[in-house]
Amino acid sequence: MDTARETLGSSDLAHAWIADLEPTAAGWRPRFDADIMQRVIEYVHVPRWKEWERMKVPTIAIFAEHGMFTDGEEDEMIRRRPVTRRVDLPCGSHDAHLDAFKQWLMVLDHALSARIP
């Protein structure tokens, strides 16, 4: 674990990764298979505009300052489904629920409280 902390650092994201390590005979390892993770990532990186446009549920797209989408991709998501509520966080990454937790939680709290009578 000490090596993981030295390598990954002390950010919230690093703490999340470290907490998900498990002890094995070969040392601490992630709880997931890297090959499977790679295949899943490749699968989800294919645009699925038809599915996105057909969704009927209320949706919030939360884009963080250092997220995985370009400005053009973010704009295209909203253009293709304008009923989507867009929120742009002034900080955070793809893992904003970890590294911009307070801002992300405020968006979630607001969304949920708006639905409670």
PDB file of N, CA and C in Angstrom:
ATOM      1  N   MET A   1       0.806  -1.200   0.000  1.00  0.00           N
ATOM      2  CA  MET A   1       0.000   0.000   0.000  1.00  0.00           C
ATOM      3  C   MET A   1       0.850   1.265   0.000  1.00  0.00           C
ATOM      4  N   ASP A   2       1.965   1.228   0.707  1.00  0.00           N
ATOM      5  CA  ASP A   2       2.840   2.405   0.748  1.00  0.00           C
ATOM      6  C   ASP A   2       3.340   2.759  -0.644  1.00  0.00           C
ATOM      7  N   THR A   3       3.681   1.741  -1.431  1.00  0.00           N
ATOM      8  CA  THR A   3       4.142   1.985  -2.796  1.00  0.00           C
ATOM      9  C   THR A   3       3.040   2.623  -3.624  1.00  0.00           C
ATOM     10  N   ALA A   4       1.804   2.147  -3.438  1.00  0.00           N
ATOM     11  CA  ALA A   4       0.666   2.725  -4.168  1.00  0.00           C
ATOM     12  C   ALA A   4       0.502   4.191  -3.794  1.00  0.00           C
ATOM     13  N   ARG A   5       0.594   4.517  -2.510  1.00  0.00           N
ATOM     14  CA  ARG A   5       0.460   5.912  -2.077  1.00  0.00           C
ATOM     15  C   ARG A   5       1.583   6.785  -2.652  1.00  0.00           C
ATOM     16  N   GLU A   6       2.808   6.246  -2.655  1.00  0.00           N
ATOM     17  CA  GLU A   6       3.948   6.994  -3.200  1.00  0.00           C
ATOM     18  C   GLU A   6       3.781   7.207  -4.708  1.00  0.00           C
ATOM     19  N   THR A   7       3.263   6.199  -5.390  1.00  0.00           N
ATOM     20  CA  THR A   7       3.113   6.270  -6.843  1.00  0.00           C
ATOM     21  C   THR A   7       1.932   7.127  -7.249  1.00  0.00           C
ATOM     22  N   LEU A   8       0.783   6.930  -6.597  1.00  0.00           N
ATOM     23  CA  LEU A   8      -0.458   7.593  -7.010  1.00  0.00           C
ATOM     24  C   LEU A   8      -0.662   8.956  -6.362  1.00  0.00           C
ATOM     25  N   GLY A   9      -0.060   9.197  -5.220  1.00  0.00           N
ATOM     26  CA  GLY A   9      -0.211  10.491  -4.559  1.00  0.00           C
ATOM     27  C   GLY A   9      -1.327  10.497  -3.536  1.00  0.00           C
ATOM     28  N   SER A  10      -1.797  11.691  -3.208  1.00  0.00           N
ATOM     29  CA  SER A  10      -2.771  11.833  -2.121  1.00  0.00           C
ATOM     30  C   SER A  10      -4.070  12.494  -2.549  1.00  0.00           C
ATOM     31  N   SER A  11      -4.332  12.542  -3.849  1.00  0.00           N
ATOM     32  CA  SER A  11      -5.578  13.155  -4.319  1.00  0.00           C
ATOM     33  C   SER A  11      -6.762  12.253  -3.964  1.00  0.00           C
ATOM     34  N   ASP A  12      -7.965  12.792  -4.047  1.00  0.00           N
ATOM     35  CA  ASP A  12      -9.163  11.991  -3.794  1.00  0.00           C
ATOM     36  C   ASP A  12      -9.244  10.816  -4.761  1.00  0.00           C
ATOM     37  N   LEU A  13      -8.871  11.058  -6.014  1.00  0.00           N
ATOM     38  CA  LEU A  13      -8.894   9.994  -7.006  1.00  0.00           C
ATOM     39  C   LEU A  13      -7.886   8.901  -6.636  1.00  0.00           C
ATOM     40  N   ALA A  14      -6.695   9.287  -6.197  1.00  0.00           N
ATOM     41  CA  ALA A  14      -5.693   8.307  -5.776  1.00  0.00           C
ATOM     42  C   ALA A  14      -6.209   7.491  -4.594  1.00  0.00           C
ATOM     43  N   HIS A  15      -6.838   8.158  -3.630  1.00  0.00           N
ATOM     44  CA  HIS A  15      -7.403   7.437  -2.481  1.00  0.00           C
ATOM     45  C   HIS A  15      -8.457   6.418  -2.921  1.00  0.00           C
ATOM     46  N   ALA A  16      -9.263   6.768  -3.899  1.00  0.00           N
ATOM     47  CA  ALA A  16     -10.281   5.836  -4.402  1.00  0.00           C
ATOM     48  C   ALA A  16      -9.632   4.617  -5.042  1.00  0.00           C
ATOM     49  N   TRP A  17      -8.591   4.836  -5.837  1.00  0.00           N
ATOM     50  CA  TRP A  17      -7.881   3.709  -6.463  1.00  0.00           C
ATOM     51  C   TRP A  17      -7.235   2.834  -5.401  1.00  0.00           C
ATOM     52  N   ILE A  18      -6.583   3.433  -4.433  1.00  0.00           N
ATOM     53  CA  ILE A  18      -5.892   2.677  -3.388  1.00  0.00           C
ATOM     54  C   ILE A  18      -6.890   1.864  -2.560  1.00  0.00           C
ATOM     55  N   ALA A  19      -8.038   2.450  -2.256  1.00  0.00           N
ATOM     56  CA  ALA A  19      -9.057   1.744  -1.473  1.00  0.00           C
ATOM     57  C   ALA A  19      -9.596   0.529  -2.215  1.00  0.00           C
ATOM     58  N   ASP A  20      -9.467   0.513  -3.527  1.00  0.00           N
ATOM     59  CA  ASP A  20      -9.999  -0.597  -4.319  1.00  0.00           C
ATOM     60  C   ASP A  20      -8.950  -1.681  -4.595  1.00  0.00           C
ATOM     61  N   LEU A  21      -7.773  -1.560  -4.019  1.00  0.00           N
ATOM     62  CA  LEU A  21      -6.762  -2.601  -4.187  1.00  0.00           C
ATOM     63  C   LEU A  21      -7.059  -3.759  -3.242  1.00  0.00           C
ATOM     64  N   GLU A  22      -6.678  -4.957  -3.662  1.00  0.00           N
ATOM     65  CA  GLU A  22      -6.860  -6.127  -2.803  1.00  0.00           C
ATOM     66  C   GLU A  22      -5.539  -6.879  -2.670  1.00  0.00           C
ATOM     67  N   PRO A  23      -5.311  -7.470  -1.498  1.00  0.00           N
ATOM     68  CA  PRO A  23      -4.067  -8.210  -1.311  1.00  0.00           C
ATOM     69  C   PRO A  23      -4.117  -9.554  -2.044  1.00  0.00           C
ATOM     70  N   THR A  24      -3.035  -9.884  -2.722  1.00  0.00           N
ATOM     71  CA  THR A  24      -2.891 -11.185  -3.380  1.00  0.00           C
ATOM     72  C   THR A  24      -1.524 -11.749  -3.004  1.00  0.00           C
ATOM     73  N   ALA A  25      -1.273 -12.980  -3.398  1.00  0.00           N
ATOM     74  CA  ALA A  25       0.029 -13.587  -3.126  1.00  0.00           C
ATOM     75  C   ALA A  25       1.148 -12.806  -3.805  1.00  0.00           C
ATOM     76  N   ALA A  26       0.823 -12.131  -4.906  1.00  0.00           N
ATOM     77  CA  ALA A  26       1.812 -11.347  -5.650  1.00  0.00           C
ATOM     78  C   ALA A  26       1.888  -9.897  -5.196  1.00  0.00           C
ATOM     79  N   GLY A  27       1.120  -9.519  -4.189  1.00  0.00           N
ATOM     80  CA  GLY A  27       1.095  -8.139  -3.710  1.00  0.00           C
ATOM     81  C   GLY A  27      -0.270  -7.508  -3.936  1.00  0.00           C
ATOM     82  N   TRP A  28      -0.366  -6.217  -3.722  1.00  0.00           N
ATOM     83  CA  TRP A  28      -1.635  -5.502  -3.885  1.00  0.00           C
ATOM     84  C   TRP A  28      -1.938  -5.327  -5.365  1.00  0.00           C
ATOM     85  N   ARG A  29      -3.166  -5.637  -5.764  1.00  0.00           N
ATOM     86  CA  ARG A  29      -3.588  -5.567  -7.167  1.00  0.00           C
ATOM     87  C   ARG A  29      -4.987  -4.955  -7.250  1.00  0.00           C
ATOM     88  N   PRO A  30      -5.302  -4.325  -8.397  1.00  0.00           N
ATOM     89  CA  PRO A  30      -6.680  -3.835  -8.595  1.00  0.00           C
ATOM     90  C   PRO A  30      -7.671  -5.008  -8.574  1.00  0.00           C
ATOM     91  N   ARG A  31      -8.903  -4.721  -8.188  1.00  0.00           N
ATOM     92  CA  ARG A  31      -9.942  -5.753  -8.121  1.00  0.00           C
ATOM     93  C   ARG A  31     -10.542  -6.073  -9.489  1.00  0.00           C
ATOM     94  N   PHE A  32     -10.032  -5.487 -10.535  1.00  0.00           N
ATOM     95  CA  PHE A  32     -10.576  -5.725 -11.872  1.00  0.00           C
ATOM     96  C   PHE A  32      -9.495  -6.297 -12.775  1.00  0.00           C
ATOM     97  N   ASP A  33      -9.923  -6.942 -13.832  1.00  0.00           N
ATOM     98  CA  ASP A  33      -9.010  -7.489 -14.828  1.00  0.00           C
ATOM     99  C   ASP A  33      -8.747  -6.405 -15.865  1.00  0.00           C
ATOM    100  N   ALA A  34      -7.504  -6.027 -16.050  1.00  0.00           N
ATOM    101  CA  ALA A  34      -7.152  -4.923 -16.956  1.00  0.00           C
ATOM    102  C   ALA A  34      -7.590  -5.197 -18.393  1.00  0.00           C
ATOM    103  N   ASP A  35      -7.513  -6.447 -18.852  1.00  0.00           N
ATOM    104  CA  ASP A  35      -7.925  -6.778 -20.226  1.00  0.00           C
ATOM    105  C   ASP A  35      -9.420  -6.559 -20.414  1.00  0.00           C
ATOM    106  N   ILE A  36     -10.203  -6.959 -19.426  1.00  0.00           N
ATOM    107  CA  ILE A  36     -11.653  -6.762 -19.508  1.00  0.00           C
ATOM    108  C   ILE A  36     -11.977  -5.272 -19.456  1.00  0.00           C
ATOM    109  N   MET A  37     -11.303  -4.547 -18.583  1.00  0.00           N
ATOM    110  CA  MET A  37     -11.519  -3.104 -18.485  1.00  0.00           C
ATOM    111  C   MET A  37     -11.228  -2.420 -19.819  1.00  0.00           C
ATOM    112  N   GLN A  38     -10.142  -2.828 -20.479  1.00  0.00           N
ATOM    113  CA  GLN A  38      -9.788  -2.251 -21.774  1.00  0.00           C
ATOM    114  C   GLN A  38     -10.878  -2.513 -22.806  1.00  0.00           C
ATOM    115  N   ARG A  39     -11.415  -3.738 -22.849  1.00  0.00           N
ATOM    116  CA  ARG A  39     -12.488  -4.059 -23.810  1.00  0.00           C
ATOM    117  C   ARG A  39     -13.743  -3.252 -23.525  1.00  0.00           C
ATOM    118  N   VAL A  40     -14.071  -3.082 -22.255  1.00  0.00           N
ATOM    119  CA  VAL A  40     -15.252  -2.290 -21.886  1.00  0.00           C
ATOM    120  C   VAL A  40     -15.065  -0.841 -22.324  1.00  0.00           C
ATOM    121  N   ILE A  41     -13.904  -0.295 -22.078  1.00  0.00           N
ATOM    122  CA  ILE A  41     -13.628   1.093 -22.454  1.00  0.00           C
ATOM    123  C   ILE A  41     -13.735   1.264 -23.967  1.00  0.00           C
ATOM    124  N   GLU A  42     -13.197   0.327 -24.725  1.00  0.00           N
ATOM    125  CA  GLU A  42     -13.293   0.402 -26.188  1.00  0.00           C
ATOM    126  C   GLU A  42     -14.750   0.365 -26.636  1.00  0.00           C
ATOM    127  N   TYR A  43     -15.572  -0.450 -25.996  1.00  0.00           N
ATOM    128  CA  TYR A  43     -16.976  -0.578 -26.365  1.00  0.00           C
ATOM    129  C   TYR A  43     -17.749   0.712 -26.096  1.00  0.00           C
ATOM    130  N   VAL A  44     -17.494   1.342 -24.980  1.00  0.00           N
ATOM    131  CA  VAL A  44     -18.270   2.533 -24.630  1.00  0.00           C
ATOM    132  C   VAL A  44     -17.788   3.789 -25.343  1.00  0.00           C
ATOM    133  N   HIS A  45     -16.666   3.729 -26.019  1.00  0.00           N
ATOM    134  CA  HIS A  45     -16.166   4.902 -26.740  1.00  0.00           C
ATOM    135  C   HIS A  45     -16.721   5.004 -28.161  1.00  0.00           C
ATOM    136  N   VAL A  46     -17.728   4.217 -28.454  1.00  0.00           N
ATOM    137  CA  VAL A  46     -18.395   4.280 -29.752  1.00  0.00           C
ATOM    138  C   VAL A  46     -19.633   5.159 -29.567  1.00  0.00           C
ATOM    139  N   PRO A  47     -19.782   6.225 -30.367  1.00  0.00           N
ATOM    140  CA  PRO A  47     -20.961   7.089 -30.208  1.00  0.00           C
ATOM    141  C   PRO A  47     -22.263   6.284 -30.367  1.00  0.00           C
ATOM    142  N   ARG A  48     -23.204   6.572 -29.518  1.00  0.00           N
ATOM    143  CA  ARG A  48     -24.504   5.905 -29.546  1.00  0.00           C
ATOM    144  C   ARG A  48     -25.617   6.964 -29.582  1.00  0.00           C
ATOM    145  N   TRP A  49     -25.577   7.772 -30.637  1.00  0.00           N
ATOM    146  CA  TRP A  49     -26.494   8.901 -30.737  1.00  0.00           C
ATOM    147  C   TRP A  49     -27.946   8.468 -30.784  1.00  0.00           C
ATOM    148  N   LYS A  50     -28.278   7.398 -31.508  1.00  0.00           N
ATOM    149  CA  LYS A  50     -29.679   6.968 -31.595  1.00  0.00           C
ATOM    150  C   LYS A  50     -30.230   6.638 -30.220  1.00  0.00           C
ATOM    151  N   GLU A  51     -29.458   5.901 -29.431  1.00  0.00           N
ATOM    152  CA  GLU A  51     -29.903   5.564 -28.070  1.00  0.00           C
ATOM    153  C   GLU A  51     -30.053   6.820 -27.216  1.00  0.00           C
ATOM    154  N   TRP A  52     -29.093   7.720 -27.332  1.00  0.00           N
ATOM    155  CA  TRP A  52     -29.118   8.972 -26.570  1.00  0.00           C
ATOM    156  C   TRP A  52     -30.362   9.787 -26.913  1.00  0.00           C
ATOM    157  N   GLU A  53     -30.662   9.909 -28.208  1.00  0.00           N
ATOM    158  CA  GLU A  53     -31.797  10.721 -28.641  1.00  0.00           C
ATOM    159  C   GLU A  53     -33.139  10.100 -28.260  1.00  0.00           C
ATOM    160  N   ARG A  54     -33.199   8.785 -28.104  1.00  0.00           N
ATOM    161  CA  ARG A  54     -34.453   8.101 -27.759  1.00  0.00           C
ATOM    162  C   ARG A  54     -34.767   8.117 -26.271  1.00  0.00           C
ATOM    163  N   MET A  55     -33.836   8.470 -25.436  1.00  0.00           N
ATOM    164  CA  MET A  55     -34.067   8.431 -23.987  1.00  0.00           C
ATOM    165  C   MET A  55     -35.227   9.343 -23.603  1.00  0.00           C
ATOM    166  N   LYS A  56     -36.052   8.854 -22.697  1.00  0.00           N
ATOM    167  CA  LYS A  56     -37.225   9.618 -22.255  1.00  0.00           C
ATOM    168  C   LYS A  56     -37.097  10.108 -20.813  1.00  0.00           C
ATOM    169  N   VAL A  57     -36.104   9.668 -20.102  1.00  0.00           N
ATOM    170  CA  VAL A  57     -35.964  10.028 -18.688  1.00  0.00           C
ATOM    171  C   VAL A  57     -35.293  11.385 -18.531  1.00  0.00           C
ATOM    172  N   PRO A  58     -35.621  12.116 -17.474  1.00  0.00           N
ATOM    173  CA  PRO A  58     -34.918  13.371 -17.209  1.00  0.00           C
ATOM    174  C   PRO A  58     -33.423  13.084 -17.012  1.00  0.00           C
ATOM    175  N   THR A  59     -32.593  13.911 -17.615  1.00  0.00           N
ATOM    176  CA  THR A  59     -31.153  13.653 -17.601  1.00  0.00           C
ATOM    177  C   THR A  59     -30.387  14.939 -17.334  1.00  0.00           C
ATOM    178  N   ILE A  60     -29.338  14.805 -16.526  1.00  0.00           N
ATOM    179  CA  ILE A  60     -28.412  15.907 -16.301  1.00  0.00           C
ATOM    180  C   ILE A  60     -27.064  15.468 -16.844  1.00  0.00           C
ATOM    181  N   ALA A  61     -26.486  16.246 -17.720  1.00  0.00           N
ATOM    182  CA  ALA A  61     -25.135  15.999 -18.213  1.00  0.00           C
ATOM    183  C   ALA A  61     -24.205  16.914 -17.422  1.00  0.00           C
ATOM    184  N   ILE A  62     -23.349  16.317 -16.615  1.00  0.00           N
ATOM    185  CA  ILE A  62     -22.410  17.083 -15.800  1.00  0.00           C
ATOM    186  C   ILE A  62     -21.044  16.997 -16.466  1.00  0.00           C
ATOM    187  N   PHE A  63     -20.563  18.131 -16.928  1.00  0.00           N
ATOM    188  CA  PHE A  63     -19.269  18.190 -17.589  1.00  0.00           C
ATOM    189  C   PHE A  63     -18.279  18.904 -16.671  1.00  0.00           C
ATOM    190  N   ALA A  64     -17.176  18.246 -16.383  1.00  0.00           N
ATOM    191  CA  ALA A  64     -16.141  18.839 -15.539  1.00  0.00           C
ATOM    192  C   ALA A  64     -15.091  19.520 -16.406  1.00  0.00           C
ATOM    193  N   GLU A  65     -14.432  20.479 -15.825  1.00  0.00           N
ATOM    194  CA  GLU A  65     -13.439  21.276 -16.565  1.00  0.00           C
ATOM    195  C   GLU A  65     -12.405  20.410 -17.282  1.00  0.00           C
ATOM    196  N   HIS A  66     -11.966  19.358 -16.643  1.00  0.00           N
ATOM    197  CA  HIS A  66     -10.933  18.498 -17.233  1.00  0.00           C
ATOM    198  C   HIS A  66     -11.496  17.116 -17.538  1.00  0.00           C
ATOM    199  N   GLY A  67     -12.729  17.082 -18.005  1.00  0.00           N
ATOM    200  CA  GLY A  67     -13.388  15.817 -18.319  1.00  0.00           C
ATOM    201  C   GLY A  67     -12.891  15.204 -19.610  1.00  0.00           C
ATOM    202  N   MET A  68     -13.526  14.113 -20.006  1.00  0.00           N
ATOM    203  CA  MET A  68     -13.055  13.357 -21.163  1.00  0.00           C
ATOM    204  C   MET A  68     -13.614  13.850 -22.488  1.00  0.00           C
ATOM    205  N   PHE A  69     -14.627  14.713 -22.459  1.00  0.00           N
ATOM    206  CA  PHE A  69     -15.242  15.195 -23.694  1.00  0.00           C
ATOM    207  C   PHE A  69     -14.672  16.545 -24.107  1.00  0.00           C
ATOM    208  N   THR A  70     -14.572  16.758 -25.411  1.00  0.00           N
ATOM    209  CA  THR A  70     -14.186  18.076 -25.920  1.00  0.00           C
ATOM    210  C   THR A  70     -15.390  19.005 -25.814  1.00  0.00           C
ATOM    211  N   ASP A  71     -15.165  20.297 -25.943  1.00  0.00           N
ATOM    212  CA  ASP A  71     -16.282  21.252 -25.928  1.00  0.00           C
ATOM    213  C   ASP A  71     -17.274  20.910 -27.032  1.00  0.00           C
ATOM    214  N   GLY A  72     -16.757  20.541 -28.208  1.00  0.00           N
ATOM    215  CA  GLY A  72     -17.629  20.190 -29.332  1.00  0.00           C
ATOM    216  C   GLY A  72     -18.480  18.967 -29.044  1.00  0.00           C
ATOM    217  N   GLU A  73     -17.913  17.967 -28.382  1.00  0.00           N
ATOM    218  CA  GLU A  73     -18.679  16.765 -28.040  1.00  0.00           C
ATOM    219  C   GLU A  73     -19.760  17.083 -27.007  1.00  0.00           C
ATOM    220  N   GLU A  74     -19.422  17.915 -26.045  1.00  0.00           N
ATOM    221  CA  GLU A  74     -20.414  18.317 -25.041  1.00  0.00           C
ATOM    222  C   GLU A  74     -21.572  19.061 -25.716  1.00  0.00           C
ATOM    223  N   ASP A  75     -21.233  20.005 -26.581  1.00  0.00           N
ATOM    224  CA  ASP A  75     -22.262  20.769 -27.292  1.00  0.00           C
ATOM    225  C   ASP A  75     -23.134  19.854 -28.153  1.00  0.00           C
ATOM    226  N   GLU A  76     -22.520  18.876 -28.799  1.00  0.00           N
ATOM    227  CA  GLU A  76     -23.258  17.946 -29.658  1.00  0.00           C
ATOM    228  C   GLU A  76     -24.237  17.107 -28.849  1.00  0.00           C
ATOM    229  N   MET A  77     -23.836  16.686 -27.657  1.00  0.00           N
ATOM    230  CA  MET A  77     -24.750  15.921 -26.802  1.00  0.00           C
ATOM    231  C   MET A  77     -26.012  16.729 -26.497  1.00  0.00           C
ATOM    232  N   ILE A  78     -25.820  17.977 -26.163  1.00  0.00           N
ATOM    233  CA  ILE A  78     -26.963  18.831 -25.818  1.00  0.00           C
ATOM    234  C   ILE A  78     -27.769  19.178 -27.071  1.00  0.00           C
ATOM    235  N   ARG A  79     -27.106  19.418 -28.182  1.00  0.00           N
ATOM    236  CA  ARG A  79     -27.814  19.722 -29.428  1.00  0.00           C
ATOM    237  C   ARG A  79     -28.711  18.553 -29.833  1.00  0.00           C
ATOM    238  N   ARG A  80     -28.223  17.336 -29.655  1.00  0.00           N
ATOM    239  CA  ARG A  80     -28.986  16.153 -30.061  1.00  0.00           C
ATOM    240  C   ARG A  80     -30.111  15.810 -29.085  1.00  0.00           C
ATOM    241  N   ARG A  81     -30.049  16.338 -27.907  1.00  0.00           N
ATOM    242  CA  ARG A  81     -31.098  16.073 -26.912  1.00  0.00           C
ATOM    243  C   ARG A  81     -31.250  17.311 -26.033  1.00  0.00           C
ATOM    244  N   PRO A  82     -31.879  18.356 -26.579  1.00  0.00           N
ATOM    245  CA  PRO A  82     -31.925  19.646 -25.891  1.00  0.00           C
ATOM    246  C   PRO A  82     -32.703  19.647 -24.574  1.00  0.00           C
ATOM    247  N   VAL A  83     -33.485  18.599 -24.294  1.00  0.00           N
ATOM    248  CA  VAL A  83     -34.195  18.541 -23.005  1.00  0.00           C
ATOM    249  C   VAL A  83     -33.252  18.178 -21.866  1.00  0.00           C
ATOM    250  N   THR A  84     -32.030  17.824 -22.187  1.00  0.00           N
ATOM    251  CA  THR A  84     -31.026  17.481 -21.174  1.00  0.00           C
ATOM    252  C   THR A  84     -30.588  18.741 -20.445  1.00  0.00           C
ATOM    253  N   ARG A  85     -30.555  18.645 -19.133  1.00  0.00           N
ATOM    254  CA  ARG A  85     -30.042  19.764 -18.338  1.00  0.00           C
ATOM    255  C   ARG A  85     -28.521  19.664 -18.320  1.00  0.00           C
ATOM    256  N   ARG A  86     -27.864  20.733 -18.665  1.00  0.00           N
ATOM    257  CA  ARG A  86     -26.400  20.763 -18.718  1.00  0.00           C
ATOM    258  C   ARG A  86     -25.847  21.532 -17.527  1.00  0.00           C
ATOM    259  N   VAL A  87     -24.831  20.945 -16.884  1.00  0.00           N
ATOM    260  CA  VAL A  87     -24.125  21.614 -15.800  1.00  0.00           C
ATOM    261  C   VAL A  87     -22.635  21.509 -16.092  1.00  0.00           C
ATOM    262  N   ASP A  88     -21.948  22.635 -16.079  1.00  0.00           N
ATOM    263  CA  ASP A  88     -20.500  22.669 -16.291  1.00  0.00           C
ATOM    264  C   ASP A  88     -19.821  22.989 -14.965  1.00  0.00           C
ATOM    265  N   LEU A  89     -19.016  22.052 -14.478  1.00  0.00           N
ATOM    266  CA  LEU A  89     -18.271  22.280 -13.243  1.00  0.00           C
ATOM    267  C   LEU A  89     -16.977  23.027 -13.568  1.00  0.00           C
ATOM    268  N   PRO A  90     -16.607  24.001 -12.756  1.00  0.00           N
ATOM    269  CA  PRO A  90     -15.388  24.773 -13.013  1.00  0.00           C
ATOM    270  C   PRO A  90     -14.120  24.043 -12.574  1.00  0.00           C
ATOM    271  N   CYS A  91     -14.255  22.772 -12.233  1.00  0.00           N
ATOM    272  CA  CYS A  91     -13.108  21.992 -11.778  1.00  0.00           C
ATOM    273  C   CYS A  91     -13.421  20.518 -12.026  1.00  0.00           C
ATOM    274  N   GLY A  92     -12.499  19.652 -11.675  1.00  0.00           N
ATOM    275  CA  GLY A  92     -12.741  18.222 -11.751  1.00  0.00           C
ATOM    276  C   GLY A  92     -12.315  17.592 -13.069  1.00  0.00           C
ATOM    277  N   SER A  93     -12.371  16.268 -13.057  1.00  0.00           N
ATOM    278  CA  SER A  93     -11.981  15.464 -14.210  1.00  0.00           C
ATOM    279  C   SER A  93     -13.143  14.539 -14.578  1.00  0.00           C
ATOM    280  N   HIS A  94     -12.846  13.517 -15.345  1.00  0.00           N
ATOM    281  CA  HIS A  94     -13.843  12.496 -15.662  1.00  0.00           C
ATOM    282  C   HIS A  94     -14.406  11.893 -14.366  1.00  0.00           C
ATOM    283  N   ASP A  95     -13.600  11.881 -13.327  1.00  0.00           N
ATOM    284  CA  ASP A  95     -14.019  11.358 -12.032  1.00  0.00           C
ATOM    285  C   ASP A  95     -14.420  12.492 -11.094  1.00  0.00           C
ATOM    286  N   ALA A  96     -15.221  13.413 -11.584  1.00  0.00           N
ATOM    287  CA  ALA A  96     -15.617  14.583 -10.785  1.00  0.00           C
ATOM    288  C   ALA A  96     -16.322  14.175  -9.496  1.00  0.00           C
ATOM    289  N   HIS A  97     -16.993  13.018  -9.501  1.00  0.00           N
ATOM    290  CA  HIS A  97     -17.638  12.556  -8.273  1.00  0.00           C
ATOM    291  C   HIS A  97     -16.605  12.263  -7.188  1.00  0.00           C
ATOM    292  N   LEU A  98     -15.331  12.187  -7.570  1.00  0.00           N
ATOM    293  CA  LEU A  98     -14.242  11.992  -6.611  1.00  0.00           C
ATOM    294  C   LEU A  98     -13.422  13.257  -6.406  1.00  0.00           C
ATOM    295  N   ASP A  99     -13.027  13.919  -7.497  1.00  0.00           N
ATOM    296  CA  ASP A  99     -12.097  15.034  -7.345  1.00  0.00           C
ATOM    297  C   ASP A  99     -12.747  16.413  -7.370  1.00  0.00           C
ATOM    298  N   ALA A 100     -14.044  16.473  -7.562  1.00  0.00           N
ATOM    299  CA  ALA A 100     -14.804  17.722  -7.399  1.00  0.00           C
ATOM    300  C   ALA A 100     -16.087  17.372  -6.656  1.00  0.00           C
ATOM    301  N   PHE A 101     -15.906  16.578  -5.610  1.00  0.00           N
ATOM    302  CA  PHE A 101     -17.034  15.970  -4.913  1.00  0.00           C
ATOM    303  C   PHE A 101     -18.059  16.993  -4.419  1.00  0.00           C
ATOM    304  N   LYS A 102     -17.613  18.062  -3.792  1.00  0.00           N
ATOM    305  CA  LYS A 102     -18.560  19.047  -3.245  1.00  0.00           C
ATOM    306  C   LYS A 102     -19.414  19.672  -4.345  1.00  0.00           C
ATOM    307  N   GLN A 103     -18.792  20.045  -5.450  1.00  0.00           N
ATOM    308  CA  GLN A 103     -19.536  20.648  -6.554  1.00  0.00           C
ATOM    309  C   GLN A 103     -20.483  19.630  -7.196  1.00  0.00           C
ATOM    310  N   TRP A 104     -19.993  18.416  -7.390  1.00  0.00           N
ATOM    311  CA  TRP A 104     -20.807  17.350  -7.983  1.00  0.00           C
ATOM    312  C   TRP A 104     -21.999  17.028  -7.078  1.00  0.00           C
ATOM    313  N   LEU A 105     -21.742  16.968  -5.774  1.00  0.00           N
ATOM    314  CA  LEU A 105     -22.806  16.663  -4.809  1.00  0.00           C
ATOM    315  C   LEU A 105     -23.859  17.770  -4.776  1.00  0.00           C
ATOM    316  N   MET A 106     -23.449  19.016  -4.933  1.00  0.00           N
ATOM    317  CA  MET A 106     -24.417  20.118  -4.972  1.00  0.00           C
ATOM    318  C   MET A 106     -25.367  19.959  -6.158  1.00  0.00           C
ATOM    319  N   VAL A 107     -24.829  19.561  -7.314  1.00  0.00           N
ATOM    320  CA  VAL A 107     -25.662  19.346  -8.501  1.00  0.00           C
ATOM    321  C   VAL A 107     -26.635  18.203  -8.241  1.00  0.00           C
ATOM    322  N   LEU A 108     -26.133  17.109  -7.692  1.00  0.00           N
ATOM    323  CA  LEU A 108     -26.982  15.951  -7.404  1.00  0.00           C
ATOM    324  C   LEU A 108     -28.051  16.295  -6.373  1.00  0.00           C
ATOM    325  N   ASP A 109     -27.662  16.981  -5.322  1.00  0.00           N
ATOM    326  CA  ASP A 109     -28.606  17.370  -4.275  1.00  0.00           C
ATOM    327  C   ASP A 109     -29.715  18.259  -4.840  1.00  0.00           C
ATOM    328  N   HIS A 110     -29.335  19.212  -5.659  1.00  0.00           N
ATOM    329  CA  HIS A 110     -30.317  20.103  -6.269  1.00  0.00           C
ATOM    330  C   HIS A 110     -31.281  19.314  -7.155  1.00  0.00           C
ATOM    331  N   ALA A 111     -30.751  18.395  -7.935  1.00  0.00           N
ATOM    332  CA  ALA A 111     -31.587  17.600  -8.841  1.00  0.00           C
ATOM    333  C   ALA A 111     -32.564  16.736  -8.059  1.00  0.00           C
ATOM    334  N   LEU A 112     -32.089  16.104  -7.003  1.00  0.00           N
ATOM    335  CA  LEU A 112     -32.968  15.225  -6.230  1.00  0.00           C
ATOM    336  C   LEU A 112     -33.988  16.005  -5.427  1.00  0.00           C
ATOM    337  N   SER A 113     -33.594  17.122  -4.844  1.00  0.00           N
ATOM    338  CA  SER A 113     -34.539  17.898  -4.057  1.00  0.00           C
ATOM    339  C   SER A 113     -35.605  18.538  -4.929  1.00  0.00           C
ATOM    340  N   ALA A 114     -35.302  18.790  -6.184  1.00  0.00           N
ATOM    341  CA  ALA A 114     -36.287  19.354  -7.108  1.00  0.00           C
ATOM    342  C   ALA A 114     -37.385  18.350  -7.419  1.00  0.00           C
ATOM    343  N   ARG A 115     -37.126  17.060  -7.239  1.00  0.00           N
ATOM    344  CA  ARG A 115     -38.092  15.999  -7.532  1.00  0.00           C
ATOM    345  C   ARG A 115     -38.935  15.615  -6.314  1.00  0.00           C
ATOM    346  N   ILE A 116     -38.568  16.083  -5.135  1.00  0.00           N
ATOM    347  CA  ILE A 116     -39.300  15.718  -3.930  1.00  0.00           C
ATOM    348  C   ILE A 116     -40.402  16.744  -3.674  1.00  0.00           C
ATOM    349  N   PRO A 117     -41.649  16.274  -3.553  1.00  0.00           N
ATOM    350  CA  PRO A 117     -42.762  17.233  -3.359  1.00  0.00           C
ATOM    351  C   PRO A 117     -42.697  17.963  -2.043  1.00  0.00           C
TER     352      PRO A 117
END
